[in-house]
């Protein structure tokens, strides 16, 4: 694991009717892209060269893949437990579909044990307030790239967005409602929510758009955060999720954060934890984060785990 076979032509496999029909059955764009990513990771990891190779897989292959995802490699740590569980679920649903189509005889993912989550495990580690402040000031405020990156980090840390939500933001999604500047967020399951813009984020986004020029700011369909061309100017493309990931990691390393378990989601966790520690109602935070379940939001609530709040300090003799 992985197998000693040639690298697969992932694009060619994706165009197979079985895969395109399975993906098209998912109405939410975000969910469809997530399924596609998980399926591509599986195909690449298993070195499958065609859709027919799914017929030759056995349950032991799935177990080896699960263990391979969890194992730390030299270049990066193993995947988080929640990521492994999600990928296994995606591949199980795909095999279920292949069974329904009569393409394979059984769903070999069924019965493969999922890794267990303990209490609060799997929730992304938040960074400290001091680290958050250092991160906000890490990019160079004098260059277009630095202004863009300062705006991105502020958008993450003051609004707790998912990476996909940030990448989907368009100029038209900055709007005024009831006299307050807000962001229109396109969340999971095609659900939309509105979040008031924090003053720091407003200032930084405005500085970035002003530096980028009126052509960018006036194009309502344009991505807010664009990639940069070789000459340092905005290109026509919005930043990809991978580019955003690399950007966050780079600035994290710059200020000395251990990036082995650090990602853009760490900034979402930081913002969520910060609001709860400062007394915000958990149901308001649930809506703010776009969580369907309050149990998911509760994983960011560390108030019962702070040493200074321990019952130890309530003991009197």
C-alpha atoms as a PDB file:
ATOM      1  CA  UNK A   1       0.000   0.000   0.000  1.00  0.00           C
ATOM      2  CA  UNK A   2       0.044   1.951  -2.261  1.00  0.00           C
ATOM      3  CA  UNK A   3       0.337  -0.551  -5.102  1.00  0.00           C
ATOM      4  CA  UNK A   4       3.244  -0.770  -7.521  1.00  0.00           C
ATOM      5  CA  UNK A   5       1.308   0.189 -10.614  1.00  0.00           C
ATOM      6  CA  UNK A   6       1.553   3.200 -12.942  1.00  0.00           C
ATOM      7  CA  UNK A   7       0.078   6.482 -11.799  1.00  0.00           C
ATOM      8  CA  UNK A   8      -3.583   6.597 -12.823  1.00  0.00           C
ATOM      9  CA  UNK A   9      -5.070   9.097 -15.263  1.00  0.00           C
ATOM     10  CA  UNK A  10      -7.415  10.617 -12.678  1.00  0.00           C
ATOM     11  CA  UNK A  11      -9.230  12.894 -15.133  1.00  0.00           C
ATOM     12  CA  UNK A  12      -9.993  10.004 -17.461  1.00  0.00           C
ATOM     13  CA  UNK A  13     -11.387   7.906 -14.605  1.00  0.00           C
ATOM     14  CA  UNK A  14     -13.542  10.821 -13.410  1.00  0.00           C
ATOM     15  CA  UNK A  15     -15.189  11.025 -16.825  1.00  0.00           C
ATOM     16  CA  UNK A  16     -16.497   7.453 -16.600  1.00  0.00           C
ATOM     17  CA  UNK A  17     -20.317   7.364 -16.695  1.00  0.00           C
ATOM     18  CA  UNK A  18     -20.585   5.516 -13.363  1.00  0.00           C
ATOM     19  CA  UNK A  19     -18.639   8.205 -11.539  1.00  0.00           C
ATOM     20  CA  UNK A  20     -20.203  11.220 -13.263  1.00  0.00           C
ATOM     21  CA  UNK A  21     -23.724   9.891 -12.593  1.00  0.00           C
ATOM     22  CA  UNK A  22     -22.891   9.206  -8.928  1.00  0.00           C
ATOM     23  CA  UNK A  23     -21.487  12.678  -8.422  1.00  0.00           C
ATOM     24  CA  UNK A  24     -24.305  14.406 -10.299  1.00  0.00           C
ATOM     25  CA  UNK A  25     -26.839  12.798  -7.969  1.00  0.00           C
ATOM     26  CA  UNK A  26     -25.504  15.075  -5.197  1.00  0.00           C
ATOM     27  CA  UNK A  27     -27.274  18.430  -5.515  1.00  0.00           C
ATOM     28  CA  UNK A  28     -25.008  20.487  -3.231  1.00  0.00           C
ATOM     29  CA  UNK A  29     -21.899  21.743  -5.058  1.00  0.00           C
ATOM     30  CA  UNK A  30     -19.779  21.677  -1.883  1.00  0.00           C
ATOM     31  CA  UNK A  31     -20.830  18.103  -1.068  1.00  0.00           C
ATOM     32  CA  UNK A  32     -20.226  17.025  -4.669  1.00  0.00           C
ATOM     33  CA  UNK A  33     -16.711  18.501  -4.657  1.00  0.00           C
ATOM     34  CA  UNK A  34     -15.964  16.879  -1.280  1.00  0.00           C
ATOM     35  CA  UNK A  35     -17.080  13.468  -2.587  1.00  0.00           C
ATOM     36  CA  UNK A  36     -15.010  13.931  -5.729  1.00  0.00           C
ATOM     37  CA  UNK A  37     -11.928  14.804  -3.672  1.00  0.00           C
ATOM     38  CA  UNK A  38     -12.362  11.764  -1.412  1.00  0.00           C
ATOM     39  CA  UNK A  39     -12.859   9.490  -4.419  1.00  0.00           C
ATOM     40  CA  UNK A  40      -9.785  10.901  -6.174  1.00  0.00           C
ATOM     41  CA  UNK A  41      -7.711  10.412  -3.006  1.00  0.00           C
ATOM     42  CA  UNK A  42      -8.836   6.773  -2.905  1.00  0.00           C
ATOM     43  CA  UNK A  43      -8.119   6.148  -6.597  1.00  0.00           C
ATOM     44  CA  UNK A  44      -4.702   7.776  -6.285  1.00  0.00           C
ATOM     45  CA  UNK A  45      -3.851   6.026  -3.031  1.00  0.00           C
ATOM     46  CA  UNK A  46      -4.857   2.613  -4.372  1.00  0.00           C
ATOM     47  CA  UNK A  47      -3.175   3.296  -7.751  1.00  0.00           C
ATOM     48  CA  UNK A  48      -6.309   2.325  -9.658  1.00  0.00           C
ATOM     49  CA  UNK A  49      -5.881   2.749 -13.396  1.00  0.00           C
ATOM     50  CA  UNK A  50      -9.524   2.398 -14.422  1.00  0.00           C
ATOM     51  CA  UNK A  51     -13.006   2.018 -12.948  1.00  0.00           C
ATOM     52  CA  UNK A  52     -12.769  -1.725 -13.705  1.00  0.00           C
ATOM     53  CA  UNK A  53     -10.052  -1.967 -11.029  1.00  0.00           C
ATOM     54  CA  UNK A  54     -12.748  -1.444  -8.372  1.00  0.00           C
ATOM     55  CA  UNK A  55     -13.886  -5.022  -9.160  1.00  0.00           C
ATOM     56  CA  UNK A  56     -10.525  -6.432  -8.066  1.00  0.00           C
ATOM     57  CA  UNK A  57     -10.388  -4.789  -4.651  1.00  0.00           C
ATOM     58  CA  UNK A  58     -10.875  -6.774  -1.442  1.00  0.00           C
ATOM     59  CA  UNK A  59     -11.775  -5.790   2.104  1.00  0.00           C
ATOM     60  CA  UNK A  60      -8.129  -6.148   3.118  1.00  0.00           C
ATOM     61  CA  UNK A  61      -7.273  -3.388   0.619  1.00  0.00           C
ATOM     62  CA  UNK A  62      -9.727  -1.038   2.325  1.00  0.00           C
ATOM     63  CA  UNK A  63      -8.264  -1.858   5.742  1.00  0.00           C
ATOM     64  CA  UNK A  64      -4.737  -1.214   4.454  1.00  0.00           C
ATOM     65  CA  UNK A  65      -5.886   2.119   2.985  1.00  0.00           C
ATOM     66  CA  UNK A  66      -7.468   3.111   6.304  1.00  0.00           C
ATOM     67  CA  UNK A  67      -4.248   2.341   8.173  1.00  0.00           C
ATOM     68  CA  UNK A  68      -2.156   4.093   5.503  1.00  0.00           C
ATOM     69  CA  UNK A  69      -4.171   7.312   5.941  1.00  0.00           C
ATOM     70  CA  UNK A  70      -3.608   7.280   9.703  1.00  0.00           C
ATOM     71  CA  UNK A  71       0.141   6.666   9.487  1.00  0.00           C
ATOM     72  CA  UNK A  72       2.442   9.668   9.755  1.00  0.00           C
ATOM     73  CA  UNK A  73       4.794  10.079   6.796  1.00  0.00           C
ATOM     74  CA  UNK A  74       8.064  11.997   6.615  1.00  0.00           C
ATOM     75  CA  UNK A  75       6.483  14.839   4.645  1.00  0.00           C
ATOM     76  CA  UNK A  76       3.242  15.129   6.635  1.00  0.00           C
ATOM     77  CA  UNK A  77       1.332  13.696   9.619  1.00  0.00           C
ATOM     78  CA  UNK A  78      -1.436  11.145   9.257  1.00  0.00           C
ATOM     79  CA  UNK A  79      -4.978  12.309   8.620  1.00  0.00           C
ATOM     80  CA  UNK A  80      -7.257  13.267  11.488  1.00  0.00           C
ATOM     81  CA  UNK A  81      -9.695  10.615  12.655  1.00  0.00           C
ATOM     82  CA  UNK A  82     -12.698  12.577  11.407  1.00  0.00           C
ATOM     83  CA  UNK A  83     -11.153  12.855   7.935  1.00  0.00           C
ATOM     84  CA  UNK A  84     -10.514   9.110   7.792  1.00  0.00           C
ATOM     85  CA  UNK A  85     -14.075   8.342   8.897  1.00  0.00           C
ATOM     86  CA  UNK A  86     -15.478  10.717   6.272  1.00  0.00           C
ATOM     87  CA  UNK A  87     -13.389   9.216   3.472  1.00  0.00           C
ATOM     88  CA  UNK A  88     -14.389   5.681   4.444  1.00  0.00           C
ATOM     89  CA  UNK A  89     -18.029   6.755   4.458  1.00  0.00           C
ATOM     90  CA  UNK A  90     -17.683   8.302   0.988  1.00  0.00           C
ATOM     91  CA  UNK A  91     -16.069   5.184  -0.490  1.00  0.00           C
ATOM     92  CA  UNK A  92     -18.679   2.968   1.186  1.00  0.00           C
ATOM     93  CA  UNK A  93     -21.458   5.004  -0.451  1.00  0.00           C
ATOM     94  CA  UNK A  94     -19.727   4.716  -3.812  1.00  0.00           C
ATOM     95  CA  UNK A  95     -19.434   0.925  -3.477  1.00  0.00           C
ATOM     96  CA  UNK A  96     -23.106   0.807  -2.475  1.00  0.00           C
ATOM     97  CA  UNK A  97     -23.903   2.630  -5.702  1.00  0.00           C
ATOM     98  CA  UNK A  98     -21.710   0.220  -7.703  1.00  0.00           C
ATOM     99  CA  UNK A  99     -23.633  -2.672  -6.133  1.00  0.00           C
ATOM    100  CA  UNK A 100     -26.972  -1.119  -7.116  1.00  0.00           C
ATOM    101  CA  UNK A 101     -25.677  -0.781 -10.685  1.00  0.00           C
ATOM    102  CA  UNK A 102     -24.568  -4.429 -10.707  1.00  0.00           C
ATOM    103  CA  UNK A 103     -20.963  -3.376 -11.318  1.00  0.00           C
ATOM    104  CA  UNK A 104     -19.561  -5.121  -8.217  1.00  0.00           C
ATOM    105  CA  UNK A 105     -20.974  -7.991  -6.184  1.00  0.00           C
ATOM    106  CA  UNK A 106     -20.682  -6.514  -2.698  1.00  0.00           C
ATOM    107  CA  UNK A 107     -19.802  -3.432  -0.694  1.00  0.00           C
ATOM    108  CA  UNK A 108     -16.393  -4.432   0.628  1.00  0.00           C
ATOM    109  CA  UNK A 109     -16.225  -1.321   2.843  1.00  0.00           C
ATOM    110  CA  UNK A 110     -19.043  -2.609   5.041  1.00  0.00           C
ATOM    111  CA  UNK A 111     -17.617  -4.230   8.131  1.00  0.00           C
ATOM    112  CA  UNK A 112     -14.337  -2.312   7.989  1.00  0.00           C
ATOM    113  CA  UNK A 113     -13.922  -0.867  11.466  1.00  0.00           C
ATOM    114  CA  UNK A 114     -13.779   2.905  11.679  1.00  0.00           C
ATOM    115  CA  UNK A 115     -11.277   4.611  14.012  1.00  0.00           C
ATOM    116  CA  UNK A 116     -12.858   5.653  17.292  1.00  0.00           C
ATOM    117  CA  UNK A 117     -13.285   9.202  18.495  1.00  0.00           C
ATOM    118  CA  UNK A 118     -12.889   9.928  22.177  1.00  0.00           C
ATOM    119  CA  UNK A 119     -14.565  12.881  23.892  1.00  0.00           C
ATOM    120  CA  UNK A 120     -13.534  16.126  22.175  1.00  0.00           C
ATOM    121  CA  UNK A 121     -11.064  14.257  19.964  1.00  0.00           C
ATOM    122  CA  UNK A 122     -10.999  15.291  16.334  1.00  0.00           C
ATOM    123  CA  UNK A 123     -11.882  18.909  17.030  1.00  0.00           C
ATOM    124  CA  UNK A 124      -9.129  21.026  15.504  1.00  0.00           C
ATOM    125  CA  UNK A 125      -6.657  22.555  17.917  1.00  0.00           C
ATOM    126  CA  UNK A 126      -7.143  26.299  18.331  1.00  0.00           C
ATOM    127  CA  UNK A 127      -4.166  28.635  18.586  1.00  0.00           C
ATOM    128  CA  UNK A 128      -3.671  31.143  21.413  1.00  0.00           C
ATOM    129  CA  UNK A 129      -4.814  34.765  21.325  1.00  0.00           C
ATOM    130  CA  UNK A 130      -1.174  35.901  21.115  1.00  0.00           C
ATOM    131  CA  UNK A 131      -0.509  33.581  18.177  1.00  0.00           C
ATOM    132  CA  UNK A 132      -3.680  34.849  16.464  1.00  0.00           C
ATOM    133  CA  UNK A 133      -2.494  38.450  16.823  1.00  0.00           C
ATOM    134  CA  UNK A 134       0.955  37.535  15.489  1.00  0.00           C
ATOM    135  CA  UNK A 135      -0.607  35.698  12.569  1.00  0.00           C
ATOM    136  CA  UNK A 136      -2.796  38.680  11.665  1.00  0.00           C
ATOM    137  CA  UNK A 137       0.327  40.846  11.452  1.00  0.00           C
ATOM    138  CA  UNK A 138       2.538  38.309   9.662  1.00  0.00           C
ATOM    139  CA  UNK A 139       1.931  39.394   6.014  1.00  0.00           C
ATOM    140  CA  UNK A 140       3.684  42.453   4.578  1.00  0.00           C
ATOM    141  CA  UNK A 141       1.146  45.349   4.666  1.00  0.00           C
ATOM    142  CA  UNK A 142       2.917  47.212   1.837  1.00  0.00           C
ATOM    143  CA  UNK A 143       2.486  44.764  -1.052  1.00  0.00           C
ATOM    144  CA  UNK A 144      -0.665  43.634  -2.881  1.00  0.00           C
ATOM    145  CA  UNK A 145       0.008  40.047  -1.859  1.00  0.00           C
ATOM    146  CA  UNK A 146       0.517  41.071   1.745  1.00  0.00           C
ATOM    147  CA  UNK A 147      -2.680  43.149   1.766  1.00  0.00           C
ATOM    148  CA  UNK A 148      -4.606  40.231   0.284  1.00  0.00           C
ATOM    149  CA  UNK A 149      -3.194  37.764   2.809  1.00  0.00           C
ATOM    150  CA  UNK A 150      -3.869  40.127   5.729  1.00  0.00           C
ATOM    151  CA  UNK A 151      -7.492  40.335   4.568  1.00  0.00           C
ATOM    152  CA  UNK A 152      -7.734  36.544   4.240  1.00  0.00           C
ATOM    153  CA  UNK A 153      -6.385  35.896   7.736  1.00  0.00           C
ATOM    154  CA  UNK A 154      -8.723  38.523   9.211  1.00  0.00           C
ATOM    155  CA  UNK A 155     -11.688  36.994   7.374  1.00  0.00           C
ATOM    156  CA  UNK A 156     -10.835  33.600   8.871  1.00  0.00           C
ATOM    157  CA  UNK A 157     -10.088  34.743  12.415  1.00  0.00           C
ATOM    158  CA  UNK A 158     -12.982  37.183  12.825  1.00  0.00           C
ATOM    159  CA  UNK A 159     -15.700  35.190  11.059  1.00  0.00           C
ATOM    160  CA  UNK A 160     -14.767  31.502  11.540  1.00  0.00           C
ATOM    161  CA  UNK A 161     -15.312  30.573   7.903  1.00  0.00           C
ATOM    162  CA  UNK A 162     -14.602  27.195   6.365  1.00  0.00           C
ATOM    163  CA  UNK A 163     -11.870  27.221   3.731  1.00  0.00           C
ATOM    164  CA  UNK A 164     -14.378  26.390   0.975  1.00  0.00           C
ATOM    165  CA  UNK A 165     -16.614  29.251   2.127  1.00  0.00           C
ATOM    166  CA  UNK A 166     -13.763  31.740   1.916  1.00  0.00           C
ATOM    167  CA  UNK A 167     -12.766  30.561  -1.567  1.00  0.00           C
ATOM    168  CA  UNK A 168     -16.350  30.971  -2.817  1.00  0.00           C
ATOM    169  CA  UNK A 169     -16.713  34.583  -1.663  1.00  0.00           C
ATOM    170  CA  UNK A 170     -17.495  37.002  -4.493  1.00  0.00           C
ATOM    171  CA  UNK A 171     -17.466  40.801  -4.554  1.00  0.00           C
ATOM    172  CA  UNK A 172     -21.276  40.716  -4.621  1.00  0.00           C
ATOM    173  CA  UNK A 173     -21.245  38.799  -1.322  1.00  0.00           C
ATOM    174  CA  UNK A 174     -20.105  41.952   0.486  1.00  0.00           C
ATOM    175  CA  UNK A 175     -23.379  43.761   1.038  1.00  0.00           C
ATOM    176  CA  UNK A 176     -25.204  46.037   3.421  1.00  0.00           C
ATOM    177  CA  UNK A 177     -28.198  44.782   5.397  1.00  0.00           C
ATOM    178  CA  UNK A 178     -29.998  46.931   7.945  1.00  0.00           C
ATOM    179  CA  UNK A 179     -27.196  49.482   7.666  1.00  0.00           C
ATOM    180  CA  UNK A 180     -24.471  46.957   8.529  1.00  0.00           C
ATOM    181  CA  UNK A 181     -21.850  45.554   6.156  1.00  0.00           C
ATOM    182  CA  UNK A 182     -22.198  41.780   5.996  1.00  0.00           C
ATOM    183  CA  UNK A 183     -20.839  38.737   4.197  1.00  0.00           C
ATOM    184  CA  UNK A 184     -23.185  36.363   2.425  1.00  0.00           C
ATOM    185  CA  UNK A 185     -21.744  32.918   3.136  1.00  0.00           C
ATOM    186  CA  UNK A 186     -22.437  29.905   0.908  1.00  0.00           C
ATOM    187  CA  UNK A 187     -22.179  27.043   3.379  1.00  0.00           C
ATOM    188  CA  UNK A 188     -22.538  23.283   3.400  1.00  0.00           C
ATOM    189  CA  UNK A 189     -25.641  21.793   1.824  1.00  0.00           C
ATOM    190  CA  UNK A 190     -26.207  24.969  -0.227  1.00  0.00           C
ATOM    191  CA  UNK A 191     -27.257  26.742   2.977  1.00  0.00           C
ATOM    192  CA  UNK A 192     -26.705  30.482   3.053  1.00  0.00           C
ATOM    193  CA  UNK A 193     -26.114  32.641   6.100  1.00  0.00           C
ATOM    194  CA  UNK A 194     -25.198  36.279   6.693  1.00  0.00           C
ATOM    195  CA  UNK A 195     -22.369  37.348   9.006  1.00  0.00           C
ATOM    196  CA  UNK A 196     -21.686  40.976   9.999  1.00  0.00           C
ATOM    197  CA  UNK A 197     -18.198  42.025   8.914  1.00  0.00           C
ATOM    198  CA  UNK A 198     -15.784  42.779  11.732  1.00  0.00           C
ATOM    199  CA  UNK A 199     -14.287  46.316  11.546  1.00  0.00           C
ATOM    200  CA  UNK A 200     -10.755  44.921  11.211  1.00  0.00           C
ATOM    201  CA  UNK A 201     -11.832  42.710   8.291  1.00  0.00           C
ATOM    202  CA  UNK A 202     -13.704  45.597   6.635  1.00  0.00           C
ATOM    203  CA  UNK A 203     -10.577  47.755   6.765  1.00  0.00           C
ATOM    204  CA  UNK A 204      -8.263  45.062   5.472  1.00  0.00           C
ATOM    205  CA  UNK A 205     -10.562  43.944   2.638  1.00  0.00           C
ATOM    206  CA  UNK A 206     -11.039  47.576   1.604  1.00  0.00           C
ATOM    207  CA  UNK A 207      -7.264  48.167   1.594  1.00  0.00           C
ATOM    208  CA  UNK A 208      -6.745  45.048  -0.525  1.00  0.00           C
ATOM    209  CA  UNK A 209      -9.480  45.894  -3.053  1.00  0.00           C
ATOM    210  CA  UNK A 210      -8.239  49.479  -3.326  1.00  0.00           C
ATOM    211  CA  UNK A 211      -4.720  48.218  -4.065  1.00  0.00           C
ATOM    212  CA  UNK A 212      -6.082  45.684  -6.565  1.00  0.00           C
ATOM    213  CA  UNK A 213      -7.771  48.416  -8.591  1.00  0.00           C
ATOM    214  CA  UNK A 214     -11.323  49.352  -9.618  1.00  0.00           C
ATOM    215  CA  UNK A 215     -11.602  46.620 -12.253  1.00  0.00           C
ATOM    216  CA  UNK A 216     -11.502  44.003  -9.503  1.00  0.00           C
ATOM    217  CA  UNK A 217     -13.666  45.833  -6.974  1.00  0.00           C
ATOM    218  CA  UNK A 218     -16.359  46.667  -9.553  1.00  0.00           C
ATOM    219  CA  UNK A 219     -16.651  43.136 -10.945  1.00  0.00           C
ATOM    220  CA  UNK A 220     -19.463  41.787  -8.781  1.00  0.00           C
ATOM    221  CA  UNK A 221     -18.986  38.197 -10.009  1.00  0.00           C
ATOM    222  CA  UNK A 222     -15.263  38.197  -9.300  1.00  0.00           C
ATOM    223  CA  UNK A 223     -13.775  36.237  -6.414  1.00  0.00           C
ATOM    224  CA  UNK A 224     -12.775  38.542  -3.579  1.00  0.00           C
ATOM    225  CA  UNK A 225      -9.465  36.767  -3.031  1.00  0.00           C
ATOM    226  CA  UNK A 226      -7.623  36.177  -6.296  1.00  0.00           C
ATOM    227  CA  UNK A 227      -4.408  34.410  -7.171  1.00  0.00           C
ATOM    228  CA  UNK A 228      -1.550  36.599  -8.343  1.00  0.00           C
ATOM    229  CA  UNK A 229       0.175  36.526 -11.724  1.00  0.00           C
ATOM    230  CA  UNK A 230       3.952  36.403 -12.137  1.00  0.00           C
ATOM    231  CA  UNK A 231       4.125  40.206 -12.211  1.00  0.00           C
ATOM    232  CA  UNK A 232       2.384  40.450  -8.842  1.00  0.00           C
ATOM    233  CA  UNK A 233      -0.997  41.603 -10.155  1.00  0.00           C
ATOM    234  CA  UNK A 234      -4.376  39.955  -9.652  1.00  0.00           C
ATOM    235  CA  UNK A 235      -5.067  37.167 -12.127  1.00  0.00           C
ATOM    236  CA  UNK A 236      -8.564  36.242 -13.245  1.00  0.00           C
ATOM    237  CA  UNK A 237      -8.699  33.153 -11.022  1.00  0.00           C
ATOM    238  CA  UNK A 238      -9.854  33.005  -7.432  1.00  0.00           C
ATOM    239  CA  UNK A 239      -7.579  31.338  -4.908  1.00  0.00           C
ATOM    240  CA  UNK A 240      -7.962  27.558  -4.758  1.00  0.00           C
ATOM    241  CA  UNK A 241      -8.494  25.715  -1.451  1.00  0.00           C
ATOM    242  CA  UNK A 242      -4.987  24.254  -1.785  1.00  0.00           C
ATOM    243  CA  UNK A 243      -3.469  27.719  -2.278  1.00  0.00           C
ATOM    244  CA  UNK A 244      -5.302  28.988   0.814  1.00  0.00           C
ATOM    245  CA  UNK A 245      -4.058  25.998   2.817  1.00  0.00           C
ATOM    246  CA  UNK A 246      -0.456  26.663   1.765  1.00  0.00           C
ATOM    247  CA  UNK A 247      -0.852  30.367   2.538  1.00  0.00           C
ATOM    248  CA  UNK A 248      -2.032  29.714   6.103  1.00  0.00           C
ATOM    249  CA  UNK A 249       0.697  27.128   6.718  1.00  0.00           C
ATOM    250  CA  UNK A 250       3.385  29.517   5.428  1.00  0.00           C
ATOM    251  CA  UNK A 251       2.387  32.309   7.804  1.00  0.00           C
ATOM    252  CA  UNK A 252       1.953  29.858  10.651  1.00  0.00           C
ATOM    253  CA  UNK A 253       5.522  28.684  10.170  1.00  0.00           C
ATOM    254  CA  UNK A 254       6.701  32.294   9.924  1.00  0.00           C
ATOM    255  CA  UNK A 255       5.489  33.085  13.449  1.00  0.00           C
ATOM    256  CA  UNK A 256       6.722  29.785  14.888  1.00  0.00           C
ATOM    257  CA  UNK A 257       3.509  27.734  15.077  1.00  0.00           C
ATOM    258  CA  UNK A 258       3.971  23.953  15.032  1.00  0.00           C
ATOM    259  CA  UNK A 259       2.150  23.239  11.752  1.00  0.00           C
ATOM    260  CA  UNK A 260       2.009  19.443  12.137  1.00  0.00           C
ATOM    261  CA  UNK A 261      -1.616  19.811  13.276  1.00  0.00           C
ATOM    262  CA  UNK A 262      -2.269  23.331  11.992  1.00  0.00           C
ATOM    263  CA  UNK A 263      -4.521  24.245   9.059  1.00  0.00           C
ATOM    264  CA  UNK A 264      -7.074  26.864   7.947  1.00  0.00           C
ATOM    265  CA  UNK A 265      -9.596  24.996  10.097  1.00  0.00           C
ATOM    266  CA  UNK A 266      -7.452  25.881  13.112  1.00  0.00           C
ATOM    267  CA  UNK A 267      -8.417  29.510  12.527  1.00  0.00           C
ATOM    268  CA  UNK A 268     -12.110  28.588  12.475  1.00  0.00           C
ATOM    269  CA  UNK A 269     -11.616  26.663  15.717  1.00  0.00           C
ATOM    270  CA  UNK A 270      -9.743  29.626  17.228  1.00  0.00           C
ATOM    271  CA  UNK A 271     -12.554  32.070  16.423  1.00  0.00           C
ATOM    272  CA  UNK A 272     -15.257  29.692  17.680  1.00  0.00           C
ATOM    273  CA  UNK A 273     -13.420  28.942  20.920  1.00  0.00           C
ATOM    274  CA  UNK A 274     -12.721  32.641  21.474  1.00  0.00           C
ATOM    275  CA  UNK A 275     -16.397  33.629  21.242  1.00  0.00           C
ATOM    276  CA  UNK A 276     -17.482  30.893  23.645  1.00  0.00           C
ATOM    277  CA  UNK A 277     -14.755  31.699  26.183  1.00  0.00           C
ATOM    278  CA  UNK A 278     -15.947  35.297  26.142  1.00  0.00           C
ATOM    279  CA  UNK A 279     -19.489  34.270  27.033  1.00  0.00           C
ATOM    280  CA  UNK A 280     -21.354  34.092  23.713  1.00  0.00           C
ATOM    281  CA  UNK A 281     -24.477  31.914  23.649  1.00  0.00           C
ATOM    282  CA  UNK A 282     -23.639  28.556  22.086  1.00  0.00           C
ATOM    283  CA  UNK A 283     -26.749  28.557  19.875  1.00  0.00           C
ATOM    284  CA  UNK A 284     -25.734  31.890  18.359  1.00  0.00           C
ATOM    285  CA  UNK A 285     -22.279  30.454  17.729  1.00  0.00           C
ATOM    286  CA  UNK A 286     -23.895  27.390  16.114  1.00  0.00           C
ATOM    287  CA  UNK A 287     -25.705  29.611  13.611  1.00  0.00           C
ATOM    288  CA  UNK A 288     -22.588  31.741  13.111  1.00  0.00           C
ATOM    289  CA  UNK A 289     -20.547  28.651  12.220  1.00  0.00           C
ATOM    290  CA  UNK A 290     -23.271  27.148  10.044  1.00  0.00           C
ATOM    291  CA  UNK A 291     -23.446  23.922  12.057  1.00  0.00           C
ATOM    292  CA  UNK A 292     -26.489  21.684  11.598  1.00  0.00           C
ATOM    293  CA  UNK A 293     -25.997  20.167  15.068  1.00  0.00           C
ATOM    294  CA  UNK A 294     -25.199  21.959  18.303  1.00  0.00           C
ATOM    295  CA  UNK A 295     -23.118  18.912  19.332  1.00  0.00           C
ATOM    296  CA  UNK A 296     -20.613  19.881  16.639  1.00  0.00           C
ATOM    297  CA  UNK A 297     -20.414  23.407  18.041  1.00  0.00           C
ATOM    298  CA  UNK A 298     -19.984  22.048  21.561  1.00  0.00           C
ATOM    299  CA  UNK A 299     -16.623  20.525  20.580  1.00  0.00           C
ATOM    300  CA  UNK A 300     -15.242  24.064  20.438  1.00  0.00           C
ATOM    301  CA  UNK A 301     -16.506  24.872  23.938  1.00  0.00           C
ATOM    302  CA  UNK A 302     -13.460  24.488  26.189  1.00  0.00           C
ATOM    303  CA  UNK A 303     -14.868  26.360  29.177  1.00  0.00           C
ATOM    304  CA  UNK A 304     -15.234  23.175  31.224  1.00  0.00           C
ATOM    305  CA  UNK A 305     -11.650  22.175  30.436  1.00  0.00           C
ATOM    306  CA  UNK A 306      -9.769  25.293  31.558  1.00  0.00           C
ATOM    307  CA  UNK A 307      -7.429  24.497  34.492  1.00  0.00           C
ATOM    308  CA  UNK A 308      -8.299  27.775  36.239  1.00  0.00           C
ATOM    309  CA  UNK A 309     -11.963  26.706  36.349  1.00  0.00           C
ATOM    310  CA  UNK A 310     -11.251  23.305  37.884  1.00  0.00           C
ATOM    311  CA  UNK A 311     -13.222  22.239  40.988  1.00  0.00           C
ATOM    312  CA  UNK A 312      -9.780  21.879  42.590  1.00  0.00           C
ATOM    313  CA  UNK A 313      -9.911  25.583  43.389  1.00  0.00           C
ATOM    314  CA  UNK A 314     -13.329  25.301  45.013  1.00  0.00           C
ATOM    315  CA  UNK A 315     -12.131  22.899  47.716  1.00  0.00           C
ATOM    316  CA  UNK A 316     -12.240  24.434  51.207  1.00  0.00           C
ATOM    317  CA  UNK A 317     -11.223  22.837  54.529  1.00  0.00           C
END
